[in-house]
Amino acid sequence: MDEIDVMFNHLLEEIGDLTQVMIIKVWMSDGSTKTLMVEGAQTVRDVLYKLFDKTYCDCGTEWSLCEINQELHTERILEDHECVVESLSTWTSGTGNKLYFLKRHQKHVMFTQPQFFYMWKKSCMKTISEQEQQLLLKENFEGSTAVVPDLEGWLYLKDDGKKVWKPRYFVLRASGLYYVPKGKTKSSSDLACFIRFEQVNVYSTDGYRLRYRAPTDYCFVLKHPCIQKESQYVKFLCCEHEDSMLLWVNSIRIAKYGTVLYENYKVALKRAQQIVKFAPTLDPCTEIEDEAPPDFIPPSPPGYTAIL
C-alpha cells in the first residue's frame, strides 16, 4: 500500500467518524436537561468540556457523566476516555437509561487517596504525606501496566432469580474476579473464575436491601452494557460496609482500565488547575436555562447518596 492509499484510507476513517453523529440529552441534578450533538470520535472528556461551557461549573475533577438505569437502579461513571457514541450504542432500544452530569468524588479516589487501595490491610494508614502519596502513585500507575490492588475477602452473591444471598470468598486479579470453591483453599491453583472484565462493566446500586433483600445496601453489579433488565447474566454482589464497596468497585475499575485511568485523572487535574488560575471567581455550579424539564422529572440521583 503506497502513501496515497494510506492517506485516502485515513480520510475515509475520519469521514466515517463524522457521519456517526448522535444527539444526546444530559440530565442535571435539578431535573433540567442539556441537549448536545456528539460526533463519533468524541469522548466523555469532550462532552464534559461542552457541559462546562454550558454551565457555570468549577470544572473540577469530580464532575462526571453518569449512566443511570432506573429499572435496575444502577449507576456507572463513564470513563473520560470512552467514546460516547460507542458506549450509548450498546443501549437497547426503549431503554430507560439516562445520562446525568454529576459530581462524584469516587471518580478519582484511587489517585487522591491511594493508601486505601494499596495499604488497605494496614488499618492504621488513614492519612499519608504528599510525598508518600506520590510514591504510591508512581509505584502502582507509572509503569507499563497498573498494579491491581491485592484485594480479597467475603462478599454476598445473589442467587440467580432469587432474593437469596450467599457468602463467598472472592479474590481480585487483573484478568477478572475469582472465588474459592467450597472445600478448596485460597491458593491460585484452587481459584475458580467468576467473571472476566473484558465484556462487563461495574455499577453501583441503590436500595438493594429493600428491593432484593440484600444483607446491606452496599451492593454493586457486574454486567454487559447491553443488558438493561434483570437477568441471569447480571451478577449482584453485596459488601458489609460502604468503605468495602468503595474498595471493590474502584479496584475493579483499575483492573479493567489500568493506567488509562491515571492519564484521565492527570488531564482532568491539569484543566482544573488552569481554570482556577485564570478564572478564580467561579461558583460551584450554577445552571443556565437551556431546556425546560419534562412533565415527569425522574428522581435526581437522590437515591445515590452513598459514595458509590
Foldseek 3Di string as FASTA:
>chain_A
DDPVVVVVVVVVVVVVQQVAKDWAWAAELVQFIDIDIATQQAFQLNVVVVVVVQWLALLAPQWFWWKAAPAQQWIDTGARNHGPSVLVVLEDPPGPIHIYTDGAVLLQCCLVPVCCQAVVVPVVPPDDDPVVSVVSCCVAQVDPWGDQGFDKAWKWWADAPALDTDIWIWTDDLQAIWTADPPGDPDPVRIDGPDGDAQKAKIFGFDCCVVSVDPDNLKMWIAGSNDSHRGSRIIIIHDPDLSVSSNVRVSVVCSNPTNVSVVSSVVSNVVSVVSCVPPVDTDNIDGDDDGDRDPDRPNSVPRVPRSD
